[in-house]
């Protein structure tokens, strides 16, 4: 029996997800939904490794260049928009491709996400400022003290997750874990999850090379143009934070670039930790010729 299917391509940054997604979309004659929490922003380009103009023209992409950095985008919003995109794609195709490294967005799309309380923007700004002024250790101590339930399961080196937990606690005095019901939503389509991985040193070499290419392609100028908005949540992002430090005179350019590389490597490690918890993901080397065969054998489209 034929059934609509979504193929999810996930894995760490710089592993080769975009290239594979484009190849699959062409082979399957379908469209791509980006599951990247930063590529949706019109103002961010080089630093988020957005597909280039030719790639965007070759295959229609959803959730790229759809929002401004002045708009709030979160996993709940992504879930809604991505599900609408699949409905649109399934009008003409029996398969859709989702690609990205934002684990929470992929989880929200595949399983649904619990409703979280609204947080006043002033609280969010307060938390971001506290983190910027006092660093990660301060943020860790605050979360450990105020929300021990979350701290016990937290990605403790992930400032975005820690800031989110802290702002929820400040907004309502409750642990962010108390809002998690853990109920998985049933989707009206099949899902095939493909994870890409490389030996650690090879991945780290690709991360370092990508950062060097970003600098050559004008990342410093891109960040300079965004400097007036550096406190926005969308810009609390690896590759931008470090270059804001350079532009503010707190680091040399070479130091900032090395910090981008180091923090990107750390981010890739956190991504792998997240995705490895998902037993539904089948893992491949990005150059494997078995990926397309696996997708065809696993599908009913």
C-alpha atoms as a PDB file:
ATOM      1  CA  UNK A   1       0.000   0.000   0.000  1.00  0.00           C
ATOM      2  CA  UNK A   2       1.437   3.375  -1.037  1.00  0.00           C
ATOM      3  CA  UNK A   3       1.893   5.902   1.739  1.00  0.00           C
ATOM      4  CA  UNK A   4       3.315   9.393   1.890  1.00  0.00           C
ATOM      5  CA  UNK A   5       6.794   9.428   3.389  1.00  0.00           C
ATOM      6  CA  UNK A   6       9.179  11.988   4.876  1.00  0.00           C
ATOM      7  CA  UNK A   7      12.899  11.252   4.702  1.00  0.00           C
ATOM      8  CA  UNK A   8      14.761  13.081   7.474  1.00  0.00           C
ATOM      9  CA  UNK A   9      18.487  13.725   6.963  1.00  0.00           C
ATOM     10  CA  UNK A  10      20.175  14.707  10.232  1.00  0.00           C
ATOM     11  CA  UNK A  11      23.596  14.842  11.849  1.00  0.00           C
ATOM     12  CA  UNK A  12      26.233  17.321  13.023  1.00  0.00           C
ATOM     13  CA  UNK A  13      27.222  20.529  11.321  1.00  0.00           C
ATOM     14  CA  UNK A  14      29.638  20.267   8.361  1.00  0.00           C
ATOM     15  CA  UNK A  15      29.020  16.536   7.878  1.00  0.00           C
ATOM     16  CA  UNK A  16      27.463  16.915   4.415  1.00  0.00           C
ATOM     17  CA  UNK A  17      23.698  17.005   5.023  1.00  0.00           C
ATOM     18  CA  UNK A  18      22.919  19.715   2.457  1.00  0.00           C
ATOM     19  CA  UNK A  19      24.690  17.912  -0.403  1.00  0.00           C
ATOM     20  CA  UNK A  20      22.894  14.637   0.350  1.00  0.00           C
ATOM     21  CA  UNK A  21      19.497  16.318   0.696  1.00  0.00           C
ATOM     22  CA  UNK A  22      19.898  18.026  -2.677  1.00  0.00           C
ATOM     23  CA  UNK A  23      20.940  14.752  -4.294  1.00  0.00           C
ATOM     24  CA  UNK A  24      17.976  12.884  -2.801  1.00  0.00           C
ATOM     25  CA  UNK A  25      15.493  15.606  -3.702  1.00  0.00           C
ATOM     26  CA  UNK A  26      16.625  15.433  -7.316  1.00  0.00           C
ATOM     27  CA  UNK A  27      16.500  11.633  -7.379  1.00  0.00           C
ATOM     28  CA  UNK A  28      13.051  11.568  -5.766  1.00  0.00           C
ATOM     29  CA  UNK A  29      11.784  14.614  -7.698  1.00  0.00           C
ATOM     30  CA  UNK A  30      10.591  16.449  -4.611  1.00  0.00           C
ATOM     31  CA  UNK A  31      11.148  19.458  -2.332  1.00  0.00           C
ATOM     32  CA  UNK A  32      13.211  20.083   0.811  1.00  0.00           C
ATOM     33  CA  UNK A  33      12.164  21.371   4.233  1.00  0.00           C
ATOM     34  CA  UNK A  34      15.047  22.869   6.191  1.00  0.00           C
ATOM     35  CA  UNK A  35      15.176  21.905   9.874  1.00  0.00           C
ATOM     36  CA  UNK A  36      17.808  24.476  10.782  1.00  0.00           C
ATOM     37  CA  UNK A  37      16.956  27.040  13.436  1.00  0.00           C
ATOM     38  CA  UNK A  38      19.074  29.771  11.830  1.00  0.00           C
ATOM     39  CA  UNK A  39      18.802  29.295   8.054  1.00  0.00           C
ATOM     40  CA  UNK A  40      15.240  30.609   8.211  1.00  0.00           C
ATOM     41  CA  UNK A  41      16.557  34.120   8.895  1.00  0.00           C
ATOM     42  CA  UNK A  42      16.857  36.352   5.847  1.00  0.00           C
ATOM     43  CA  UNK A  43      19.710  38.375   7.351  1.00  0.00           C
ATOM     44  CA  UNK A  44      21.955  35.370   8.107  1.00  0.00           C
ATOM     45  CA  UNK A  45      23.782  33.752   5.224  1.00  0.00           C
ATOM     46  CA  UNK A  46      27.479  32.871   5.333  1.00  0.00           C
ATOM     47  CA  UNK A  47      27.628  32.066   9.037  1.00  0.00           C
ATOM     48  CA  UNK A  48      24.751  29.569   8.910  1.00  0.00           C
ATOM     49  CA  UNK A  49      26.005  27.698   5.826  1.00  0.00           C
ATOM     50  CA  UNK A  50      22.811  28.444   3.941  1.00  0.00           C
ATOM     51  CA  UNK A  51      22.480  26.712   0.540  1.00  0.00           C
ATOM     52  CA  UNK A  52      23.691  29.002  -2.232  1.00  0.00           C
ATOM     53  CA  UNK A  53      21.486  30.669  -4.807  1.00  0.00           C
ATOM     54  CA  UNK A  54      22.024  27.944  -7.414  1.00  0.00           C
ATOM     55  CA  UNK A  55      21.096  25.208  -4.930  1.00  0.00           C
ATOM     56  CA  UNK A  56      17.990  27.065  -3.802  1.00  0.00           C
ATOM     57  CA  UNK A  57      16.995  27.537  -7.447  1.00  0.00           C
ATOM     58  CA  UNK A  58      17.564  23.872  -8.304  1.00  0.00           C
ATOM     59  CA  UNK A  59      15.287  22.502  -5.555  1.00  0.00           C
ATOM     60  CA  UNK A  60      12.452  24.301  -3.813  1.00  0.00           C
ATOM     61  CA  UNK A  61      13.212  24.780  -0.112  1.00  0.00           C
ATOM     62  CA  UNK A  62      10.782  25.509   2.700  1.00  0.00           C
ATOM     63  CA  UNK A  63      11.811  27.360   5.873  1.00  0.00           C
ATOM     64  CA  UNK A  64      14.801  29.161   4.353  1.00  0.00           C
ATOM     65  CA  UNK A  65      14.707  32.972   4.192  1.00  0.00           C
ATOM     66  CA  UNK A  66      11.215  32.931   5.679  1.00  0.00           C
ATOM     67  CA  UNK A  67      11.744  35.085   8.783  1.00  0.00           C
ATOM     68  CA  UNK A  68      13.581  38.139  10.040  1.00  0.00           C
ATOM     69  CA  UNK A  69      15.955  38.089  13.005  1.00  0.00           C
ATOM     70  CA  UNK A  70      13.446  40.439  14.661  1.00  0.00           C
ATOM     71  CA  UNK A  71      10.799  37.681  14.693  1.00  0.00           C
ATOM     72  CA  UNK A  72      10.567  34.886  17.232  1.00  0.00           C
ATOM     73  CA  UNK A  73      11.029  31.416  15.790  1.00  0.00           C
ATOM     74  CA  UNK A  74      10.944  28.294  17.947  1.00  0.00           C
ATOM     75  CA  UNK A  75      10.329  24.557  17.729  1.00  0.00           C
ATOM     76  CA  UNK A  76       6.560  24.952  18.043  1.00  0.00           C
ATOM     77  CA  UNK A  77       6.442  27.425  15.159  1.00  0.00           C
ATOM     78  CA  UNK A  78       8.681  25.160  13.096  1.00  0.00           C
ATOM     79  CA  UNK A  79       6.445  22.148  13.781  1.00  0.00           C
ATOM     80  CA  UNK A  80       3.399  24.007  12.497  1.00  0.00           C
ATOM     81  CA  UNK A  81       5.111  25.375   9.392  1.00  0.00           C
ATOM     82  CA  UNK A  82       6.857  22.122   8.530  1.00  0.00           C
ATOM     83  CA  UNK A  83       3.658  20.102   8.773  1.00  0.00           C
ATOM     84  CA  UNK A  84       1.949  22.623   6.504  1.00  0.00           C
ATOM     85  CA  UNK A  85       4.846  22.281   4.072  1.00  0.00           C
ATOM     86  CA  UNK A  86       4.509  18.493   3.955  1.00  0.00           C
ATOM     87  CA  UNK A  87       0.812  18.852   3.141  1.00  0.00           C
ATOM     88  CA  UNK A  88       1.746  21.175   0.291  1.00  0.00           C
ATOM     89  CA  UNK A  89       4.441  18.827  -1.018  1.00  0.00           C
ATOM     90  CA  UNK A  90       2.184  15.772  -0.818  1.00  0.00           C
ATOM     91  CA  UNK A  91      -0.255  17.395  -3.234  1.00  0.00           C
ATOM     92  CA  UNK A  92       2.202  16.588  -6.032  1.00  0.00           C
ATOM     93  CA  UNK A  93       4.707  14.144  -4.552  1.00  0.00           C
ATOM     94  CA  UNK A  94       4.563  11.074  -2.325  1.00  0.00           C
ATOM     95  CA  UNK A  95       7.836  11.837  -0.558  1.00  0.00           C
ATOM     96  CA  UNK A  96       9.385  14.914   1.083  1.00  0.00           C
ATOM     97  CA  UNK A  97      12.923  15.521   2.361  1.00  0.00           C
ATOM     98  CA  UNK A  98      13.614  17.208   5.707  1.00  0.00           C
ATOM     99  CA  UNK A  99      17.230  18.153   6.411  1.00  0.00           C
ATOM    100  CA  UNK A 100      18.933  19.863   9.318  1.00  0.00           C
ATOM    101  CA  UNK A 101      20.932  19.672  12.497  1.00  0.00           C
ATOM    102  CA  UNK A 102      18.535  21.286  14.966  1.00  0.00           C
ATOM    103  CA  UNK A 103      17.551  18.236  16.973  1.00  0.00           C
ATOM    104  CA  UNK A 104      14.662  19.861  18.813  1.00  0.00           C
ATOM    105  CA  UNK A 105      13.081  20.988  15.529  1.00  0.00           C
ATOM    106  CA  UNK A 106      13.320  17.491  14.083  1.00  0.00           C
ATOM    107  CA  UNK A 107      11.870  16.003  17.262  1.00  0.00           C
ATOM    108  CA  UNK A 108       8.999  18.522  17.203  1.00  0.00           C
ATOM    109  CA  UNK A 109       8.243  17.697  13.574  1.00  0.00           C
ATOM    110  CA  UNK A 110       8.379  13.923  14.020  1.00  0.00           C
ATOM    111  CA  UNK A 111       6.748  13.604  17.454  1.00  0.00           C
ATOM    112  CA  UNK A 112       5.130  16.913  18.404  1.00  0.00           C
ATOM    113  CA  UNK A 113       6.235  19.231  21.178  1.00  0.00           C
ATOM    114  CA  UNK A 114       4.759  20.183  24.521  1.00  0.00           C
ATOM    115  CA  UNK A 115       3.272  23.646  24.977  1.00  0.00           C
ATOM    116  CA  UNK A 116       5.614  25.963  26.852  1.00  0.00           C
ATOM    117  CA  UNK A 117       4.647  29.091  28.796  1.00  0.00           C
ATOM    118  CA  UNK A 118       5.017  32.511  27.219  1.00  0.00           C
ATOM    119  CA  UNK A 119       8.113  34.377  28.376  1.00  0.00           C
ATOM    120  CA  UNK A 120       8.193  38.142  28.543  1.00  0.00           C
ATOM    121  CA  UNK A 121      10.846  39.523  26.146  1.00  0.00           C
ATOM    122  CA  UNK A 122      12.336  41.543  29.009  1.00  0.00           C
ATOM    123  CA  UNK A 123      13.084  38.311  30.892  1.00  0.00           C
ATOM    124  CA  UNK A 124      14.728  36.825  27.814  1.00  0.00           C
ATOM    125  CA  UNK A 125      16.897  39.926  27.411  1.00  0.00           C
ATOM    126  CA  UNK A 126      17.808  39.787  31.101  1.00  0.00           C
ATOM    127  CA  UNK A 127      18.948  36.166  30.801  1.00  0.00           C
ATOM    128  CA  UNK A 128      20.974  36.846  27.643  1.00  0.00           C
ATOM    129  CA  UNK A 129      22.660  39.855  29.248  1.00  0.00           C
ATOM    130  CA  UNK A 130      23.496  37.859  32.382  1.00  0.00           C
ATOM    131  CA  UNK A 131      25.057  35.129  30.261  1.00  0.00           C
ATOM    132  CA  UNK A 132      27.072  37.615  28.210  1.00  0.00           C
ATOM    133  CA  UNK A 133      28.348  39.430  31.280  1.00  0.00           C
ATOM    134  CA  UNK A 134      29.044  36.438  33.513  1.00  0.00           C
ATOM    135  CA  UNK A 135      29.701  33.517  31.196  1.00  0.00           C
ATOM    136  CA  UNK A 136      28.695  29.869  30.988  1.00  0.00           C
ATOM    137  CA  UNK A 137      29.720  28.945  34.553  1.00  0.00           C
ATOM    138  CA  UNK A 138      27.316  31.549  35.953  1.00  0.00           C
ATOM    139  CA  UNK A 139      24.518  30.210  33.755  1.00  0.00           C
ATOM    140  CA  UNK A 140      25.237  26.653  34.870  1.00  0.00           C
ATOM    141  CA  UNK A 141      25.156  27.647  38.539  1.00  0.00           C
ATOM    142  CA  UNK A 142      21.861  29.520  38.116  1.00  0.00           C
ATOM    143  CA  UNK A 143      20.140  26.584  36.429  1.00  0.00           C
ATOM    144  CA  UNK A 144      21.578  24.055  38.900  1.00  0.00           C
ATOM    145  CA  UNK A 145      20.254  26.123  41.807  1.00  0.00           C
ATOM    146  CA  UNK A 146      16.862  27.149  40.405  1.00  0.00           C
ATOM    147  CA  UNK A 147      15.915  24.146  38.264  1.00  0.00           C
ATOM    148  CA  UNK A 148      17.711  21.030  39.594  1.00  0.00           C
ATOM    149  CA  UNK A 149      15.233  18.745  37.812  1.00  0.00           C
ATOM    150  CA  UNK A 150      16.307  20.098  34.433  1.00  0.00           C
ATOM    151  CA  UNK A 151      19.955  20.352  35.482  1.00  0.00           C
ATOM    152  CA  UNK A 152      20.039  16.617  36.172  1.00  0.00           C
ATOM    153  CA  UNK A 153      19.319  15.860  32.498  1.00  0.00           C
ATOM    154  CA  UNK A 154      20.637  19.017  30.813  1.00  0.00           C
ATOM    155  CA  UNK A 155      23.219  19.443  28.069  1.00  0.00           C
ATOM    156  CA  UNK A 156      25.341  21.400  30.517  1.00  0.00           C
ATOM    157  CA  UNK A 157      27.614  23.011  27.935  1.00  0.00           C
ATOM    158  CA  UNK A 158      24.726  24.201  25.761  1.00  0.00           C
ATOM    159  CA  UNK A 159      24.002  27.850  26.665  1.00  0.00           C
ATOM    160  CA  UNK A 160      20.842  28.020  24.534  1.00  0.00           C
ATOM    161  CA  UNK A 161      19.200  25.143  26.416  1.00  0.00           C
ATOM    162  CA  UNK A 162      20.314  26.520  29.783  1.00  0.00           C
ATOM    163  CA  UNK A 163      19.051  30.022  29.005  1.00  0.00           C
ATOM    164  CA  UNK A 164      15.707  28.607  27.906  1.00  0.00           C
ATOM    165  CA  UNK A 165      15.316  26.670  31.158  1.00  0.00           C
ATOM    166  CA  UNK A 166      16.296  29.698  33.223  1.00  0.00           C
ATOM    167  CA  UNK A 167      13.919  32.080  31.468  1.00  0.00           C
ATOM    168  CA  UNK A 168      11.007  29.649  31.920  1.00  0.00           C
ATOM    169  CA  UNK A 169      11.780  29.374  35.638  1.00  0.00           C
ATOM    170  CA  UNK A 170      12.018  33.167  35.983  1.00  0.00           C
ATOM    171  CA  UNK A 171       8.733  33.590  34.090  1.00  0.00           C
ATOM    172  CA  UNK A 172       6.621  31.136  36.100  1.00  0.00           C
ATOM    173  CA  UNK A 173       8.673  29.701  38.959  1.00  0.00           C
ATOM    174  CA  UNK A 174       8.415  26.148  37.598  1.00  0.00           C
ATOM    175  CA  UNK A 175      10.887  23.720  36.120  1.00  0.00           C
ATOM    176  CA  UNK A 176      10.822  23.523  32.345  1.00  0.00           C
ATOM    177  CA  UNK A 177      10.557  19.740  32.804  1.00  0.00           C
ATOM    178  CA  UNK A 178       7.125  20.152  34.406  1.00  0.00           C
ATOM    179  CA  UNK A 179       5.709  21.195  31.036  1.00  0.00           C
ATOM    180  CA  UNK A 180       6.951  18.072  29.264  1.00  0.00           C
ATOM    181  CA  UNK A 181       4.277  15.440  28.861  1.00  0.00           C
ATOM    182  CA  UNK A 182       6.318  13.101  26.701  1.00  0.00           C
ATOM    183  CA  UNK A 183       3.343  12.147  24.537  1.00  0.00           C
ATOM    184  CA  UNK A 184       4.272  11.451  20.929  1.00  0.00           C
ATOM    185  CA  UNK A 185       1.931  12.695  18.216  1.00  0.00           C
ATOM    186  CA  UNK A 186       0.996  10.284  15.424  1.00  0.00           C
ATOM    187  CA  UNK A 187       1.769  11.652  11.964  1.00  0.00           C
ATOM    188  CA  UNK A 188      -0.301  10.825   8.864  1.00  0.00           C
ATOM    189  CA  UNK A 189       2.816   9.794   6.948  1.00  0.00           C
ATOM    190  CA  UNK A 190       5.791   7.453   7.334  1.00  0.00           C
ATOM    191  CA  UNK A 191       9.111   8.788   8.560  1.00  0.00           C
ATOM    192  CA  UNK A 192      12.539   7.443   7.618  1.00  0.00           C
ATOM    193  CA  UNK A 193      15.459   8.899   9.577  1.00  0.00           C
ATOM    194  CA  UNK A 194      18.944   8.887   8.084  1.00  0.00           C
ATOM    195  CA  UNK A 195      21.854  10.099  10.188  1.00  0.00           C
ATOM    196  CA  UNK A 196      25.228  11.116   8.770  1.00  0.00           C
ATOM    197  CA  UNK A 197      28.426  10.633  10.725  1.00  0.00           C
ATOM    198  CA  UNK A 198      32.172  10.753  10.157  1.00  0.00           C
ATOM    199  CA  UNK A 199      35.197   9.793  12.258  1.00  0.00           C
ATOM    200  CA  UNK A 200      35.619  12.591  14.800  1.00  0.00           C
ATOM    201  CA  UNK A 201      38.897  13.993  13.481  1.00  0.00           C
ATOM    202  CA  UNK A 202      37.619  14.015   9.901  1.00  0.00           C
ATOM    203  CA  UNK A 203      34.501  15.886  11.007  1.00  0.00           C
ATOM    204  CA  UNK A 204      36.566  18.381  12.984  1.00  0.00           C
ATOM    205  CA  UNK A 205      38.826  18.941   9.973  1.00  0.00           C
ATOM    206  CA  UNK A 206      35.744  19.698   7.881  1.00  0.00           C
ATOM    207  CA  UNK A 207      34.479  22.094  10.558  1.00  0.00           C
ATOM    208  CA  UNK A 208      37.808  23.956  10.564  1.00  0.00           C
ATOM    209  CA  UNK A 209      37.889  24.135   6.776  1.00  0.00           C
ATOM    210  CA  UNK A 210      34.312  25.397   6.627  1.00  0.00           C
ATOM    211  CA  UNK A 211      35.081  28.202   9.084  1.00  0.00           C
ATOM    212  CA  UNK A 212      38.159  29.243   7.073  1.00  0.00           C
ATOM    213  CA  UNK A 213      36.024  29.363   3.915  1.00  0.00           C
ATOM    214  CA  UNK A 214      33.355  31.416   5.698  1.00  0.00           C
ATOM    215  CA  UNK A 215      35.979  33.992   6.677  1.00  0.00           C
ATOM    216  CA  UNK A 216      37.313  34.072   3.106  1.00  0.00           C
ATOM    217  CA  UNK A 217      33.787  34.525   1.768  1.00  0.00           C
ATOM    218  CA  UNK A 218      33.097  37.608   3.899  1.00  0.00           C
ATOM    219  CA  UNK A 219      31.704  36.451   7.237  1.00  0.00           C
ATOM    220  CA  UNK A 220      33.349  39.329   9.119  1.00  0.00           C
ATOM    221  CA  UNK A 221      31.566  41.853   6.900  1.00  0.00           C
ATOM    222  CA  UNK A 222      28.270  40.020   7.347  1.00  0.00           C
ATOM    223  CA  UNK A 223      28.649  40.104  11.130  1.00  0.00           C
ATOM    224  CA  UNK A 224      29.696  43.760  11.044  1.00  0.00           C
ATOM    225  CA  UNK A 225      26.421  44.641   9.344  1.00  0.00           C
ATOM    226  CA  UNK A 226      24.501  42.824  12.077  1.00  0.00           C
ATOM    227  CA  UNK A 227      26.352  44.418  14.984  1.00  0.00           C
ATOM    228  CA  UNK A 228      23.464  46.769  15.944  1.00  0.00           C
ATOM    229  CA  UNK A 229      21.300  43.695  16.552  1.00  0.00           C
ATOM    230  CA  UNK A 230      23.827  41.517  18.380  1.00  0.00           C
ATOM    231  CA  UNK A 231      21.628  41.175  21.470  1.00  0.00           C
ATOM    232  CA  UNK A 232      18.775  39.550  19.548  1.00  0.00           C
ATOM    233  CA  UNK A 233      18.155  35.882  20.319  1.00  0.00           C
ATOM    234  CA  UNK A 234      18.718  34.922  16.663  1.00  0.00           C
ATOM    235  CA  UNK A 235      22.300  36.164  16.919  1.00  0.00           C
ATOM    236  CA  UNK A 236      23.240  34.210  20.033  1.00  0.00           C
ATOM    237  CA  UNK A 237      24.799  31.835  17.549  1.00  0.00           C
ATOM    238  CA  UNK A 238      28.195  30.249  17.021  1.00  0.00           C
ATOM    239  CA  UNK A 239      30.075  32.157  14.341  1.00  0.00           C
ATOM    240  CA  UNK A 240      28.406  35.448  15.209  1.00  0.00           C
ATOM    241  CA  UNK A 241      29.004  35.759  18.961  1.00  0.00           C
ATOM    242  CA  UNK A 242      32.750  35.236  18.570  1.00  0.00           C
ATOM    243  CA  UNK A 243      33.091  37.815  15.796  1.00  0.00           C
ATOM    244  CA  UNK A 244      31.070  40.333  17.790  1.00  0.00           C
ATOM    245  CA  UNK A 245      33.780  39.916  20.448  1.00  0.00           C
ATOM    246  CA  UNK A 246      36.391  40.769  17.797  1.00  0.00           C
ATOM    247  CA  UNK A 247      34.453  43.807  16.592  1.00  0.00           C
ATOM    248  CA  UNK A 248      34.005  44.954  20.202  1.00  0.00           C
ATOM    249  CA  UNK A 249      37.770  44.785  20.764  1.00  0.00           C
ATOM    250  CA  UNK A 250      37.637  41.833  23.139  1.00  0.00           C
ATOM    251  CA  UNK A 251      39.618  39.468  20.904  1.00  0.00           C
ATOM    252  CA  UNK A 252      41.904  39.568  17.900  1.00  0.00           C
ATOM    253  CA  UNK A 253      40.571  38.267  14.603  1.00  0.00           C
ATOM    254  CA  UNK A 254      42.730  35.142  14.799  1.00  0.00           C
ATOM    255  CA  UNK A 255      41.508  34.476  18.354  1.00  0.00           C
ATOM    256  CA  UNK A 256      37.905  34.972  17.289  1.00  0.00           C
ATOM    257  CA  UNK A 257      38.291  32.577  14.343  1.00  0.00           C
ATOM    258  CA  UNK A 258      39.844  29.929  16.582  1.00  0.00           C
ATOM    259  CA  UNK A 259      36.960  30.398  19.015  1.00  0.00           C
ATOM    260  CA  UNK A 260      34.460  29.898  16.184  1.00  0.00           C
ATOM    261  CA  UNK A 261      36.199  26.654  15.221  1.00  0.00           C
ATOM    262  CA  UNK A 262      36.360  25.415  18.805  1.00  0.00           C
ATOM    263  CA  UNK A 263      32.746  26.283  19.597  1.00  0.00           C
ATOM    264  CA  UNK A 264      31.531  24.781  16.317  1.00  0.00           C
ATOM    265  CA  UNK A 265      33.345  21.544  17.148  1.00  0.00           C
ATOM    266  CA  UNK A 266      31.697  21.553  20.587  1.00  0.00           C
ATOM    267  CA  UNK A 267      28.329  22.169  18.943  1.00  0.00           C
ATOM    268  CA  UNK A 268      28.860  19.250  16.563  1.00  0.00           C
ATOM    269  CA  UNK A 269      29.634  17.020  19.535  1.00  0.00           C
ATOM    270  CA  UNK A 270      26.406  18.098  21.272  1.00  0.00           C
ATOM    271  CA  UNK A 271      24.438  17.427  18.099  1.00  0.00           C
ATOM    272  CA  UNK A 272      25.792  13.890  17.909  1.00  0.00           C
ATOM    273  CA  UNK A 273      24.959  13.294  21.570  1.00  0.00           C
ATOM    274  CA  UNK A 274      21.364  14.400  20.883  1.00  0.00           C
ATOM    275  CA  UNK A 275      20.855  12.364  17.716  1.00  0.00           C
ATOM    276  CA  UNK A 276      22.500   9.208  19.046  1.00  0.00           C
ATOM    277  CA  UNK A 277      19.701   8.990  21.625  1.00  0.00           C
ATOM    278  CA  UNK A 278      17.192   8.451  18.802  1.00  0.00           C
ATOM    279  CA  UNK A 279      17.082   4.721  18.088  1.00  0.00           C
ATOM    280  CA  UNK A 280      15.019   5.298  14.931  1.00  0.00           C
ATOM    281  CA  UNK A 281      17.983   6.861  13.132  1.00  0.00           C
ATOM    282  CA  UNK A 282      19.996   4.630  10.796  1.00  0.00           C
ATOM    283  CA  UNK A 283      23.560   5.894  10.430  1.00  0.00           C
ATOM    284  CA  UNK A 284      25.682   6.174   7.297  1.00  0.00           C
ATOM    285  CA  UNK A 285      28.861   7.764   6.068  1.00  0.00           C
ATOM    286  CA  UNK A 286      27.723  10.750   3.933  1.00  0.00           C
ATOM    287  CA  UNK A 287      29.397   9.242   0.868  1.00  0.00           C
ATOM    288  CA  UNK A 288      27.726   5.850   1.221  1.00  0.00           C
ATOM    289  CA  UNK A 289      26.025   4.519  -1.890  1.00  0.00           C
ATOM    290  CA  UNK A 290      23.733   2.436   0.333  1.00  0.00           C
ATOM    291  CA  UNK A 291      21.670   5.409   1.549  1.00  0.00           C
ATOM    292  CA  UNK A 292      19.336   5.619  -1.444  1.00  0.00           C
ATOM    293  CA  UNK A 293      18.917   1.834  -1.488  1.00  0.00           C
ATOM    294  CA  UNK A 294      18.049   1.892   2.240  1.00  0.00           C
ATOM    295  CA  UNK A 295      15.442   4.626   1.726  1.00  0.00           C
ATOM    296  CA  UNK A 296      13.792   2.764  -1.162  1.00  0.00           C
ATOM    297  CA  UNK A 297      13.705  -0.513   0.768  1.00  0.00           C
ATOM    298  CA  UNK A 298      12.257   1.203   3.865  1.00  0.00           C
ATOM    299  CA  UNK A 299       9.552   3.165   2.096  1.00  0.00           C
ATOM    300  CA  UNK A 300       6.085   2.606   0.692  1.00  0.00           C
ATOM    301  CA  UNK A 301       5.968   5.653  -1.585  1.00  0.00           C
END
